[in-house]
């Protein structure tokens, strides 16, 4: 986690911790970068379903999965869903998914990042 900050709110001094930018890392959960990547992909799936005005049942039919699967994805319940499966769902929703591999900037261990254009 990042730096601790002391502040006063309504006359009460509190200490807060600045986020690293990845809530899963802040919570010290395993595989935080993968968890964040899956969350971003599932959020994009949800946004596209909403943009199309589709019901979960309609989305399930288009995606070739069940309505309960769609429900789990849009609610962030991603256990059992790999990055590959989520990217295939985005492809079925007419989204390109591009993977870029490059040397790590700091010369140490590389990172997994997802950016939505």
PDB file of N, CA and C in Angstrom:
ATOM      1  N   UNK A   1       0.828  -1.179   0.000  1.00  0.00           N
ATOM      2  CA  UNK A   1       0.000   0.000   0.000  1.00  0.00           C
ATOM      3  C   UNK A   1       0.874   1.244   0.000  1.00  0.00           C
ATOM      4  N   UNK A   2       0.258   2.378  -0.193  1.00  0.00           N
ATOM      5  CA  UNK A   2       0.991   3.626  -0.353  1.00  0.00           C
ATOM      6  C   UNK A   2       1.087   4.390   0.957  1.00  0.00           C
ATOM      7  N   UNK A   3       1.362   5.676   0.843  1.00  0.00           N
ATOM      8  CA  UNK A   3       1.582   6.542   1.995  1.00  0.00           C
ATOM      9  C   UNK A   3       0.334   6.733   2.841  1.00  0.00           C
ATOM     10  N   UNK A   4       0.579   6.904   4.143  1.00  0.00           N
ATOM     11  CA  UNK A   4      -0.511   7.231   5.064  1.00  0.00           C
ATOM     12  C   UNK A   4      -0.605   8.744   5.174  1.00  0.00           C
ATOM     13  N   UNK A   5      -1.826   9.239   5.233  1.00  0.00           N
ATOM     14  CA  UNK A   5      -2.077  10.675   5.303  1.00  0.00           C
ATOM     15  C   UNK A   5      -2.963  10.941   6.512  1.00  0.00           C
ATOM     16  N   UNK A   6      -2.570  11.935   7.305  1.00  0.00           N
ATOM     17  CA  UNK A   6      -3.405  12.351   8.439  1.00  0.00           C
ATOM     18  C   UNK A   6      -4.192  13.576   8.009  1.00  0.00           C
ATOM     19  N   UNK A   7      -5.471  13.581   8.364  1.00  0.00           N
ATOM     20  CA  UNK A   7      -6.329  14.714   8.018  1.00  0.00           C
ATOM     21  C   UNK A   7      -7.380  14.874   9.103  1.00  0.00           C
ATOM     22  N   UNK A   8      -8.066  15.994   9.085  1.00  0.00           N
ATOM     23  CA  UNK A   8      -9.125  16.258  10.058  1.00  0.00           C
ATOM     24  C   UNK A   8     -10.440  16.362   9.304  1.00  0.00           C
ATOM     25  N   UNK A   9     -11.417  15.568   9.735  1.00  0.00           N
ATOM     26  CA  UNK A   9     -12.752  15.580   9.146  1.00  0.00           C
ATOM     27  C   UNK A   9     -13.746  15.812  10.271  1.00  0.00           C
ATOM     28  N   UNK A  10     -14.527  16.883  10.161  1.00  0.00           N
ATOM     29  CA  UNK A  10     -15.514  17.235  11.188  1.00  0.00           C
ATOM     30  C   UNK A  10     -14.889  17.280  12.578  1.00  0.00           C
ATOM     31  N   UNK A  11     -13.677  17.836  12.652  1.00  0.00           N
ATOM     32  CA  UNK A  11     -13.012  17.993  13.937  1.00  0.00           C
ATOM     33  C   UNK A  11     -12.359  16.730  14.471  1.00  0.00           C
ATOM     34  N   UNK A  12     -12.401  15.658  13.711  1.00  0.00           N
ATOM     35  CA  UNK A  12     -11.805  14.397  14.155  1.00  0.00           C
ATOM     36  C   UNK A  12     -10.601  14.096  13.275  1.00  0.00           C
ATOM     37  N   UNK A  13      -9.458  13.844  13.923  1.00  0.00           N
ATOM     38  CA  UNK A  13      -8.262  13.499  13.156  1.00  0.00           C
ATOM     39  C   UNK A  13      -8.342  12.028  12.741  1.00  0.00           C
ATOM     40  N   UNK A  14      -8.159  11.802  11.453  1.00  0.00           N
ATOM     41  CA  UNK A  14      -8.177  10.429  10.952  1.00  0.00           C
ATOM     42  C   UNK A  14      -6.933  10.196  10.103  1.00  0.00           C
ATOM     43  N   UNK A  15      -6.582   8.939   9.979  1.00  0.00           N
ATOM     44  CA  UNK A  15      -5.458   8.560   9.138  1.00  0.00           C
ATOM     45  C   UNK A  15      -5.998   7.723   7.985  1.00  0.00           C
ATOM     46  N   UNK A  16      -5.651   8.117   6.784  1.00  0.00           N
ATOM     47  CA  UNK A  16      -6.085   7.369   5.607  1.00  0.00           C
ATOM     48  C   UNK A  16      -4.854   6.929   4.838  1.00  0.00           C
ATOM     49  N   UNK A  17      -5.043   5.912   4.054  1.00  0.00           N
ATOM     50  CA  UNK A  17      -3.956   5.406   3.245  1.00  0.00           C
ATOM     51  C   UNK A  17      -4.269   5.656   1.782  1.00  0.00           C
ATOM     52  N   UNK A  18      -3.360   6.294   1.088  1.00  0.00           N
ATOM     53  CA  UNK A  18      -3.548   6.579  -0.326  1.00  0.00           C
ATOM     54  C   UNK A  18      -3.500   5.269  -1.113  1.00  0.00           C
ATOM     55  N   UNK A  19      -4.411   5.124  -2.063  1.00  0.00           N
ATOM     56  CA  UNK A  19      -4.485   3.907  -2.864  1.00  0.00           C
ATOM     57  C   UNK A  19      -3.308   3.808  -3.825  1.00  0.00           C
ATOM     58  N   UNK A  20      -2.940   2.590  -4.119  1.00  0.00           N
ATOM     59  CA  UNK A  20      -1.909   2.337  -5.128  1.00  0.00           C
ATOM     60  C   UNK A  20      -2.482   2.465  -6.532  1.00  0.00           C
ATOM     61  N   UNK A  21      -3.817   2.545  -6.619  1.00  0.00           N
ATOM     62  CA  UNK A  21      -4.476   2.540  -7.918  1.00  0.00           C
ATOM     63  C   UNK A  21      -5.063   1.185  -8.251  1.00  0.00           C
ATOM     64  N   UNK A  22      -4.759   0.188  -7.440  1.00  0.00           N
ATOM     65  CA  UNK A  22      -5.306  -1.156  -7.625  1.00  0.00           C
ATOM     66  C   UNK A  22      -5.861  -1.616  -6.281  1.00  0.00           C
ATOM     67  N   UNK A  23      -7.170  -1.596  -6.152  1.00  0.00           N
ATOM     68  CA  UNK A  23      -7.813  -1.956  -4.884  1.00  0.00           C
ATOM     69  C   UNK A  23      -7.464  -3.378  -4.464  1.00  0.00           C
ATOM     70  N   UNK A  24      -7.271  -4.270  -5.424  1.00  0.00           N
ATOM     71  CA  UNK A  24      -6.941  -5.658  -5.102  1.00  0.00           C
ATOM     72  C   UNK A  24      -5.545  -5.758  -4.485  1.00  0.00           C
ATOM     73  N   UNK A  25      -4.614  -4.936  -4.959  1.00  0.00           N
ATOM     74  CA  UNK A  25      -3.277  -4.887  -4.359  1.00  0.00           C
ATOM     75  C   UNK A  25      -3.353  -4.258  -2.971  1.00  0.00           C
ATOM     76  N   UNK A  26      -4.160  -3.189  -2.849  1.00  0.00           N
ATOM     77  CA  UNK A  26      -4.314  -2.525  -1.557  1.00  0.00           C
ATOM     78  C   UNK A  26      -4.863  -3.481  -0.504  1.00  0.00           C
ATOM     79  N   UNK A  27      -5.735  -4.387  -0.933  1.00  0.00           N
ATOM     80  CA  UNK A  27      -6.320  -5.368  -0.015  1.00  0.00           C
ATOM     81  C   UNK A  27      -5.444  -6.603   0.150  1.00  0.00           C
ATOM     82  N   UNK A  28      -4.285  -6.585  -0.529  1.00  0.00           N
ATOM     83  CA  UNK A  28      -3.308  -7.673  -0.471  1.00  0.00           C
ATOM     84  C   UNK A  28      -3.899  -9.007  -0.908  1.00  0.00           C
ATOM     85  N   UNK A  29      -4.777  -8.964  -1.922  1.00  0.00           N
ATOM     86  CA  UNK A  29      -5.346 -10.182  -2.484  1.00  0.00           C
ATOM     87  C   UNK A  29      -4.355 -10.790  -3.467  1.00  0.00           C
ATOM     88  N   UNK A  30      -4.409 -12.114  -3.663  1.00  0.00           N
ATOM     89  CA  UNK A  30      -3.506 -12.736  -4.634  1.00  0.00           C
ATOM     90  C   UNK A  30      -3.834 -12.285  -6.058  1.00  0.00           C
ATOM     91  N   UNK A  31      -2.829 -12.235  -6.908  1.00  0.00           N
ATOM     92  CA  UNK A  31      -2.974 -11.888  -8.331  1.00  0.00           C
ATOM     93  C   UNK A  31      -3.731 -10.575  -8.548  1.00  0.00           C
ATOM     94  N   UNK A  32      -3.314  -9.502  -7.893  1.00  0.00           N
ATOM     95  CA  UNK A  32      -4.081  -8.256  -7.997  1.00  0.00           C
ATOM     96  C   UNK A  32      -4.150  -7.680  -9.408  1.00  0.00           C
ATOM     97  N   UNK A  33      -3.088  -7.809 -10.194  1.00  0.00           N
ATOM     98  CA  UNK A  33      -3.122  -7.248 -11.550  1.00  0.00           C
ATOM     99  C   UNK A  33      -4.109  -8.001 -12.429  1.00  0.00           C
ATOM    100  N   UNK A  34      -4.152  -9.321 -12.294  1.00  0.00           N
ATOM    101  CA  UNK A  34      -5.109 -10.113 -13.070  1.00  0.00           C
ATOM    102  C   UNK A  34      -6.537  -9.797 -12.634  1.00  0.00           C
ATOM    103  N   UNK A  35      -6.748  -9.665 -11.343  1.00  0.00           N
ATOM    104  CA  UNK A  35      -8.088  -9.329 -10.841  1.00  0.00           C
ATOM    105  C   UNK A  35      -8.559  -7.981 -11.390  1.00  0.00           C
ATOM    106  N   UNK A  36      -7.666  -6.999 -11.400  1.00  0.00           N
ATOM    107  CA  UNK A  36      -8.033  -5.683 -11.911  1.00  0.00           C
ATOM    108  C   UNK A  36      -8.312  -5.748 -13.413  1.00  0.00           C
ATOM    109  N   UNK A  37      -7.494  -6.479 -14.150  1.00  0.00           N
ATOM    110  CA  UNK A  37      -7.702  -6.617 -15.597  1.00  0.00           C
ATOM    111  C   UNK A  37      -9.057  -7.252 -15.886  1.00  0.00           C
ATOM    112  N   UNK A  38      -9.401  -8.295 -15.154  1.00  0.00           N
ATOM    113  CA  UNK A  38     -10.698  -8.949 -15.347  1.00  0.00           C
ATOM    114  C   UNK A  38     -11.845  -8.007 -14.991  1.00  0.00           C
ATOM    115  N   UNK A  39     -11.662  -7.214 -13.941  1.00  0.00           N
ATOM    116  CA  UNK A  39     -12.708  -6.259 -13.550  1.00  0.00           C
ATOM    117  C   UNK A  39     -12.922  -5.212 -14.640  1.00  0.00           C
ATOM    118  N   UNK A  40     -11.844  -4.734 -15.234  1.00  0.00           N
ATOM    119  CA  UNK A  40     -11.965  -3.736 -16.303  1.00  0.00           C
ATOM    120  C   UNK A  40     -12.665  -4.341 -17.513  1.00  0.00           C
ATOM    121  N   UNK A  41     -12.298  -5.569 -17.894  1.00  0.00           N
ATOM    122  CA  UNK A  41     -12.944  -6.223 -19.032  1.00  0.00           C
ATOM    123  C   UNK A  41     -14.426  -6.454 -18.762  1.00  0.00           C
ATOM    124  N   UNK A  42     -14.762  -6.912 -17.560  1.00  0.00           N
ATOM    125  CA  UNK A  42     -16.176  -7.163 -17.247  1.00  0.00           C
ATOM    126  C   UNK A  42     -16.969  -5.861 -17.232  1.00  0.00           C
ATOM    127  N   UNK A  43     -16.350  -4.795 -16.781  1.00  0.00           N
ATOM    128  CA  UNK A  43     -17.015  -3.485 -16.786  1.00  0.00           C
ATOM    129  C   UNK A  43     -17.304  -3.048 -18.221  1.00  0.00           C
ATOM    130  N   UNK A  44     -16.377  -3.314 -19.131  1.00  0.00           N
ATOM    131  CA  UNK A  44     -16.588  -2.941 -20.528  1.00  0.00           C
ATOM    132  C   UNK A  44     -17.698  -3.787 -21.151  1.00  0.00           C
ATOM    133  N   UNK A  45     -17.767  -5.062 -20.785  1.00  0.00           N
ATOM    134  CA  UNK A  45     -18.853  -5.929 -21.261  1.00  0.00           C
ATOM    135  C   UNK A  45     -20.187  -5.365 -20.791  1.00  0.00           C
ATOM    136  N   UNK A  46     -20.264  -5.007 -19.521  1.00  0.00           N
ATOM    137  CA  UNK A  46     -21.496  -4.437 -18.964  1.00  0.00           C
ATOM    138  C   UNK A  46     -21.876  -3.147 -19.677  1.00  0.00           C
ATOM    139  N   UNK A  47     -20.904  -2.258 -19.895  1.00  0.00           N
ATOM    140  CA  UNK A  47     -21.188  -0.990 -20.583  1.00  0.00           C
ATOM    141  C   UNK A  47     -21.739  -1.231 -21.983  1.00  0.00           C
ATOM    142  N   UNK A  48     -21.177  -2.201 -22.695  1.00  0.00           N
ATOM    143  CA  UNK A  48     -21.636  -2.464 -24.061  1.00  0.00           C
ATOM    144  C   UNK A  48     -23.041  -3.055 -24.068  1.00  0.00           C
ATOM    145  N   UNK A  49     -23.322  -3.946 -23.138  1.00  0.00           N
ATOM    146  CA  UNK A  49     -24.675  -4.514 -23.037  1.00  0.00           C
ATOM    147  C   UNK A  49     -25.680  -3.392 -22.772  1.00  0.00           C
ATOM    148  N   UNK A  50     -25.346  -2.495 -21.847  1.00  0.00           N
ATOM    149  CA  UNK A  50     -26.236  -1.371 -21.537  1.00  0.00           C
ATOM    150  C   UNK A  50     -26.379  -0.423 -22.721  1.00  0.00           C
ATOM    151  N   UNK A  51     -25.276  -0.152 -23.415  1.00  0.00           N
ATOM    152  CA  UNK A  51     -25.319   0.761 -24.566  1.00  0.00           C
ATOM    153  C   UNK A  51     -26.224   0.222 -25.667  1.00  0.00           C
ATOM    154  N   UNK A  52     -26.296  -1.089 -25.777  1.00  0.00           N
ATOM    155  CA  UNK A  52     -27.151  -1.709 -26.790  1.00  0.00           C
ATOM    156  C   UNK A  52     -28.590  -1.860 -26.312  1.00  0.00           C
ATOM    157  N   UNK A  53     -28.844  -1.553 -25.051  1.00  0.00           N
ATOM    158  CA  UNK A  53     -30.191  -1.683 -24.501  1.00  0.00           C
ATOM    159  C   UNK A  53     -30.654  -3.124 -24.415  1.00  0.00           C
ATOM    160  N   UNK A  54     -29.714  -4.025 -24.222  1.00  0.00           N
ATOM    161  CA  UNK A  54     -30.030  -5.452 -24.194  1.00  0.00           C
ATOM    162  C   UNK A  54     -30.392  -5.909 -22.788  1.00  0.00           C
ATOM    163  N   UNK A  55     -31.265  -6.893 -22.726  1.00  0.00           N
ATOM    164  CA  UNK A  55     -31.511  -7.574 -21.459  1.00  0.00           C
ATOM    165  C   UNK A  55     -30.373  -8.570 -21.252  1.00  0.00           C
ATOM    166  N   UNK A  56     -30.267  -9.070 -20.038  1.00  0.00           N
ATOM    167  CA  UNK A  56     -29.251 -10.090 -19.783  1.00  0.00           C
ATOM    168  C   UNK A  56     -29.523 -11.345 -20.602  1.00  0.00           C
ATOM    169  N   UNK A  57     -30.779 -11.672 -20.804  1.00  0.00           N
ATOM    170  CA  UNK A  57     -31.129 -12.850 -21.607  1.00  0.00           C
ATOM    171  C   UNK A  57     -30.696 -12.651 -23.060  1.00  0.00           C
ATOM    172  N   UNK A  58     -30.923 -11.455 -23.603  1.00  0.00           N
ATOM    173  CA  UNK A  58     -30.500 -11.172 -24.974  1.00  0.00           C
ATOM    174  C   UNK A  58     -28.974 -11.209 -25.090  1.00  0.00           C
ATOM    175  N   UNK A  59     -28.303 -10.643 -24.106  1.00  0.00           N
ATOM    176  CA  UNK A  59     -26.840 -10.651 -24.106  1.00  0.00           C
ATOM    177  C   UNK A  59     -26.313 -12.077 -24.024  1.00  0.00           C
ATOM    178  N   UNK A  60     -26.943 -12.885 -23.187  1.00  0.00           N
ATOM    179  CA  UNK A  60     -26.517 -14.275 -23.042  1.00  0.00           C
ATOM    180  C   UNK A  60     -26.613 -15.012 -24.368  1.00  0.00           C
ATOM    181  N   UNK A  61     -27.711 -14.795 -25.091  1.00  0.00           N
ATOM    182  CA  UNK A  61     -27.887 -15.457 -26.383  1.00  0.00           C
ATOM    183  C   UNK A  61     -26.797 -15.024 -27.364  1.00  0.00           C
ATOM    184  N   UNK A  62     -26.526 -13.734 -27.426  1.00  0.00           N
ATOM    185  CA  UNK A  62     -25.492 -13.225 -28.318  1.00  0.00           C
ATOM    186  C   UNK A  62     -24.108 -13.755 -27.944  1.00  0.00           C
ATOM    187  N   UNK A  63     -23.844 -13.823 -26.654  1.00  0.00           N
ATOM    188  CA  UNK A  63     -22.526 -14.223 -26.169  1.00  0.00           C
ATOM    189  C   UNK A  63     -22.327 -15.732 -26.110  1.00  0.00           C
ATOM    190  N   UNK A  64     -23.417 -16.484 -26.208  1.00  0.00           N
ATOM    191  CA  UNK A  64     -23.306 -17.939 -26.141  1.00  0.00           C
ATOM    192  C   UNK A  64     -23.063 -18.459 -24.738  1.00  0.00           C
ATOM    193  N   UNK A  65     -23.581 -17.720 -23.757  1.00  0.00           N
ATOM    194  CA  UNK A  65     -23.477 -18.143 -22.361  1.00  0.00           C
ATOM    195  C   UNK A  65     -24.866 -18.060 -21.741  1.00  0.00           C
ATOM    196  N   UNK A  66     -24.984 -18.413 -20.469  1.00  0.00           N
ATOM    197  CA  UNK A  66     -26.286 -18.376 -19.812  1.00  0.00           C
ATOM    198  C   UNK A  66     -26.552 -16.991 -19.219  1.00  0.00           C
ATOM    199  N   UNK A  67     -27.827 -16.706 -18.959  1.00  0.00           N
ATOM    200  CA  UNK A  67     -28.184 -15.430 -18.320  1.00  0.00           C
ATOM    201  C   UNK A  67     -27.537 -15.309 -16.942  1.00  0.00           C
ATOM    202  N   UNK A  68     -27.507 -16.390 -16.123  1.00  0.00           N
ATOM    203  CA  UNK A  68     -26.814 -16.257 -14.838  1.00  0.00           C
ATOM    204  C   UNK A  68     -25.321 -15.927 -15.002  1.00  0.00           C
ATOM    205  N   UNK A  69     -24.700 -16.430 -16.085  1.00  0.00           N
ATOM    206  CA  UNK A  69     -23.302 -16.070 -16.348  1.00  0.00           C
ATOM    207  C   UNK A  69     -23.177 -14.577 -16.627  1.00  0.00           C
ATOM    208  N   UNK A  70     -24.083 -14.034 -17.435  1.00  0.00           N
ATOM    209  CA  UNK A  70     -24.072 -12.595 -17.721  1.00  0.00           C
ATOM    210  C   UNK A  70     -24.245 -11.824 -16.415  1.00  0.00           C
ATOM    211  N   UNK A  71     -25.176 -12.248 -15.589  1.00  0.00           N
ATOM    212  CA  UNK A  71     -25.417 -11.592 -14.308  1.00  0.00           C
ATOM    213  C   UNK A  71     -24.146 -11.576 -13.463  1.00  0.00           C
ATOM    214  N   UNK A  72     -23.466 -12.704 -13.387  1.00  0.00           N
ATOM    215  CA  UNK A  72     -22.229 -12.776 -12.605  1.00  0.00           C
ATOM    216  C   UNK A  72     -21.164 -11.836 -13.160  1.00  0.00           C
ATOM    217  N   UNK A  73     -21.016 -11.810 -14.467  1.00  0.00           N
ATOM    218  CA  UNK A  73     -19.992 -10.960 -15.084  1.00  0.00           C
ATOM    219  C   UNK A  73     -20.262  -9.490 -14.800  1.00  0.00           C
ATOM    220  N   UNK A  74     -21.490  -9.035 -15.015  1.00  0.00           N
ATOM    221  CA  UNK A  74     -21.778  -7.604 -14.835  1.00  0.00           C
ATOM    222  C   UNK A  74     -21.760  -7.197 -13.361  1.00  0.00           C
ATOM    223  N   UNK A  75     -21.843  -8.151 -12.470  1.00  0.00           N
ATOM    224  CA  UNK A  75     -21.760  -7.858 -11.034  1.00  0.00           C
ATOM    225  C   UNK A  75     -20.347  -8.073 -10.485  1.00  0.00           C
ATOM    226  N   UNK A  76     -19.411  -8.405 -11.373  1.00  0.00           N
ATOM    227  CA  UNK A  76     -18.026  -8.564 -10.946  1.00  0.00           C
ATOM    228  C   UNK A  76     -17.726  -9.873 -10.257  1.00  0.00           C
ATOM    229  N   UNK A  77     -18.605 -10.823 -10.377  1.00  0.00           N
ATOM    230  CA  UNK A  77     -18.360 -12.158  -9.809  1.00  0.00           C
ATOM    231  C   UNK A  77     -17.628 -12.969 -10.874  1.00  0.00           C
ATOM    232  N   UNK A  78     -16.309 -12.902 -10.852  1.00  0.00           N
ATOM    233  CA  UNK A  78     -15.516 -13.383 -11.973  1.00  0.00           C
ATOM    234  C   UNK A  78     -14.747 -14.663 -11.697  1.00  0.00           C
ATOM    235  N   UNK A  79     -15.053 -15.316 -10.594  1.00  0.00           N
ATOM    236  CA  UNK A  79     -14.414 -16.596 -10.310  1.00  0.00           C
ATOM    237  C   UNK A  79     -14.765 -17.571 -11.429  1.00  0.00           C
ATOM    238  N   UNK A  80     -13.772 -18.219 -11.986  1.00  0.00           N
ATOM    239  CA  UNK A  80     -14.011 -19.162 -13.072  1.00  0.00           C
ATOM    240  C   UNK A  80     -13.970 -18.524 -14.449  1.00  0.00           C
ATOM    241  N   UNK A  81     -13.804 -17.206 -14.513  1.00  0.00           N
ATOM    242  CA  UNK A  81     -13.729 -16.501 -15.794  1.00  0.00           C
ATOM    243  C   UNK A  81     -12.293 -16.067 -16.033  1.00  0.00           C
ATOM    244  N   UNK A  82     -11.682 -16.597 -17.074  1.00  0.00           N
ATOM    245  CA  UNK A  82     -10.305 -16.236 -17.410  1.00  0.00           C
ATOM    246  C   UNK A  82     -10.290 -14.961 -18.239  1.00  0.00           C
ATOM    247  N   UNK A  83      -9.130 -14.350 -18.317  1.00  0.00           N
ATOM    248  CA  UNK A  83      -8.963 -13.183 -19.182  1.00  0.00           C
ATOM    249  C   UNK A  83      -9.299 -13.543 -20.624  1.00  0.00           C
ATOM    250  N   UNK A  84      -8.890 -14.720 -21.051  1.00  0.00           N
ATOM    251  CA  UNK A  84      -9.156 -15.153 -22.427  1.00  0.00           C
ATOM    252  C   UNK A  84     -10.652 -15.247 -22.702  1.00  0.00           C
ATOM    253  N   UNK A  85     -11.402 -15.838 -21.789  1.00  0.00           N
ATOM    254  CA  UNK A  85     -12.853 -15.959 -21.994  1.00  0.00           C
ATOM    255  C   UNK A  85     -13.524 -14.592 -22.036  1.00  0.00           C
ATOM    256  N   UNK A  86     -13.100 -13.700 -21.167  1.00  0.00           N
ATOM    257  CA  UNK A  86     -13.681 -12.356 -21.153  1.00  0.00           C
ATOM    258  C   UNK A  86     -13.351 -11.602 -22.441  1.00  0.00           C
ATOM    259  N   UNK A  87     -12.134 -11.780 -22.963  1.00  0.00           N
ATOM    260  CA  UNK A  87     -11.793 -11.108 -24.222  1.00  0.00           C
ATOM    261  C   UNK A  87     -12.611 -11.670 -25.378  1.00  0.00           C
ATOM    262  N   UNK A  88     -12.887 -12.961 -25.361  1.00  0.00           N
ATOM    263  CA  UNK A  88     -13.735 -13.541 -26.412  1.00  0.00           C
ATOM    264  C   UNK A  88     -15.147 -12.959 -26.358  1.00  0.00           C
ATOM    265  N   UNK A  89     -15.660 -12.718 -25.166  1.00  0.00           N
ATOM    266  CA  UNK A  89     -16.986 -12.106 -25.047  1.00  0.00           C
ATOM    267  C   UNK A  89     -16.971 -10.693 -25.621  1.00  0.00           C
ATOM    268  N   UNK A  90     -15.918  -9.955 -25.363  1.00  0.00           N
ATOM    269  CA  UNK A  90     -15.810  -8.616 -25.941  1.00  0.00           C
ATOM    270  C   UNK A  90     -15.752  -8.685 -27.464  1.00  0.00           C
ATOM    271  N   UNK A  91     -15.045  -9.681 -27.999  1.00  0.00           N
ATOM    272  CA  UNK A  91     -15.004  -9.863 -29.454  1.00  0.00           C
ATOM    273  C   UNK A  91     -16.400 -10.093 -30.008  1.00  0.00           C
ATOM    274  N   UNK A  92     -17.200 -10.886 -29.302  1.00  0.00           N
ATOM    275  CA  UNK A  92     -18.570 -11.161 -29.752  1.00  0.00           C
ATOM    276  C   UNK A  92     -19.444  -9.908 -29.688  1.00  0.00           C
ATOM    277  N   UNK A  93     -19.026  -8.952 -28.870  1.00  0.00           N
ATOM    278  CA  UNK A  93     -19.741  -7.674 -28.772  1.00  0.00           C
ATOM    279  C   UNK A  93     -19.135  -6.631 -29.718  1.00  0.00           C
ATOM    280  N   UNK A  94     -18.350  -7.102 -30.675  1.00  0.00           N
ATOM    281  CA  UNK A  94     -17.731  -6.249 -31.711  1.00  0.00           C
ATOM    282  C   UNK A  94     -16.645  -5.320 -31.179  1.00  0.00           C
ATOM    283  N   UNK A  95     -15.930  -5.759 -30.172  1.00  0.00           N
ATOM    284  CA  UNK A  95     -14.792  -5.008 -29.656  1.00  0.00           C
ATOM    285  C   UNK A  95     -13.514  -5.746 -30.017  1.00  0.00           C
ATOM    286  N   UNK A  96     -12.515  -5.016 -30.496  1.00  0.00           N
ATOM    287  CA  UNK A  96     -11.184  -5.580 -30.700  1.00  0.00           C
ATOM    288  C   UNK A  96     -10.456  -5.572 -29.365  1.00  0.00           C
ATOM    289  N   UNK A  97      -9.669  -6.599 -29.137  1.00  0.00           N
ATOM    290  CA  UNK A  97      -8.821  -6.656 -27.949  1.00  0.00           C
ATOM    291  C   UNK A  97      -7.395  -6.824 -28.460  1.00  0.00           C
ATOM    292  N   UNK A  98      -6.542  -5.893 -28.119  1.00  0.00           N
ATOM    293  CA  UNK A  98      -5.162  -5.894 -28.589  1.00  0.00           C
ATOM    294  C   UNK A  98      -4.242  -6.172 -27.415  1.00  0.00           C
ATOM    295  N   UNK A  99      -3.315  -7.096 -27.594  1.00  0.00           N
ATOM    296  CA  UNK A  99      -2.345  -7.429 -26.550  1.00  0.00           C
ATOM    297  C   UNK A  99      -0.983  -6.927 -27.010  1.00  0.00           C
ATOM    298  N   UNK A 100      -0.344  -6.124 -26.181  1.00  0.00           N
ATOM    299  CA  UNK A 100       0.974  -5.585 -26.492  1.00  0.00           C
ATOM    300  C   UNK A 100       1.968  -6.146 -25.489  1.00  0.00           C
ATOM    301  N   UNK A 101       3.060  -6.687 -25.988  1.00  0.00           N
ATOM    302  CA  UNK A 101       4.118  -7.215 -25.131  1.00  0.00           C
ATOM    303  C   UNK A 101       5.350  -6.345 -25.354  1.00  0.00           C
ATOM    304  N   UNK A 102       5.910  -5.816 -24.254  1.00  0.00           N
ATOM    305  CA  UNK A 102       7.091  -4.964 -24.357  1.00  0.00           C
ATOM    306  C   UNK A 102       7.916  -5.099 -23.080  1.00  0.00           C
ATOM    307  N   UNK A 103       9.181  -4.702 -23.129  1.00  0.00           N
ATOM    308  CA  UNK A 103      10.009  -4.778 -21.923  1.00  0.00           C
ATOM    309  C   UNK A 103       9.432  -3.890 -20.817  1.00  0.00           C
ATOM    310  N   UNK A 104       9.582  -4.332 -19.586  1.00  0.00           N
ATOM    311  CA  UNK A 104       9.114  -3.547 -18.444  1.00  0.00           C
ATOM    312  C   UNK A 104       9.901  -2.245 -18.373  1.00  0.00           C
ATOM    313  N   UNK A 105       9.225  -1.171 -18.012  1.00  0.00           N
ATOM    314  CA  UNK A 105       9.858   0.146 -17.955  1.00  0.00           C
ATOM    315  C   UNK A 105      10.952   0.221 -16.897  1.00  0.00           C
ATOM    316  N   UNK A 106      10.732  -0.424 -15.769  1.00  0.00           N
ATOM    317  CA  UNK A 106      11.703  -0.324 -14.678  1.00  0.00           C
ATOM    318  C   UNK A 106      12.789  -1.392 -14.754  1.00  0.00           C
ATOM    319  N   UNK A 107      12.739  -2.257 -15.778  1.00  0.00           N
ATOM    320  CA  UNK A 107      13.743  -3.297 -15.937  1.00  0.00           C
ATOM    321  C   UNK A 107      13.574  -4.466 -14.990  1.00  0.00           C
ATOM    322  N   UNK A 108      12.541  -4.430 -14.174  1.00  0.00           N
ATOM    323  CA  UNK A 108      12.302  -5.522 -13.237  1.00  0.00           C
ATOM    324  C   UNK A 108      11.149  -6.375 -13.745  1.00  0.00           C
ATOM    325  N   UNK A 109      10.374  -6.943 -12.852  1.00  0.00           N
ATOM    326  CA  UNK A 109       9.248  -7.784 -13.251  1.00  0.00           C
ATOM    327  C   UNK A 109       8.224  -6.959 -14.015  1.00  0.00           C
ATOM    328  N   UNK A 110       7.679  -7.547 -15.080  1.00  0.00           N
ATOM    329  CA  UNK A 110       6.671  -6.868 -15.889  1.00  0.00           C
ATOM    330  C   UNK A 110       5.327  -6.808 -15.186  1.00  0.00           C
ATOM    331  N   UNK A 111       4.401  -6.083 -15.799  1.00  0.00           N
ATOM    332  CA  UNK A 111       3.075  -5.880 -15.226  1.00  0.00           C
ATOM    333  C   UNK A 111       1.999  -6.182 -16.252  1.00  0.00           C
ATOM    334  N   UNK A 112       0.819  -6.506 -15.771  1.00  0.00           N
ATOM    335  CA  UNK A 112      -0.356  -6.720 -16.607  1.00  0.00           C
ATOM    336  C   UNK A 112      -1.233  -5.484 -16.483  1.00  0.00           C
ATOM    337  N   UNK A 113      -1.550  -4.866 -17.634  1.00  0.00           N
ATOM    338  CA  UNK A 113      -2.392  -3.667 -17.626  1.00  0.00           C
ATOM    339  C   UNK A 113      -3.442  -3.780 -18.717  1.00  0.00           C
ATOM    340  N   UNK A 114      -4.617  -3.265 -18.444  1.00  0.00           N
ATOM    341  CA  UNK A 114      -5.686  -3.193 -19.442  1.00  0.00           C
ATOM    342  C   UNK A 114      -6.083  -1.731 -19.559  1.00  0.00           C
ATOM    343  N   UNK A 115      -6.142  -1.259 -20.796  1.00  0.00           N
ATOM    344  CA  UNK A 115      -6.598   0.109 -21.061  1.00  0.00           C
ATOM    345  C   UNK A 115      -7.719   0.030 -22.077  1.00  0.00           C
ATOM    346  N   UNK A 116      -8.793   0.722 -21.828  1.00  0.00           N
ATOM    347  CA  UNK A 116      -9.915   0.762 -22.764  1.00  0.00           C
ATOM    348  C   UNK A 116      -9.804   2.059 -23.555  1.00  0.00           C
ATOM    349  N   UNK A 117      -9.809   1.915 -24.869  1.00  0.00           N
ATOM    350  CA  UNK A 117      -9.677   3.101 -25.740  1.00  0.00           C
ATOM    351  C   UNK A 117     -11.030   3.719 -25.990  1.00  0.00           C
TER     352      UNK A 117
END
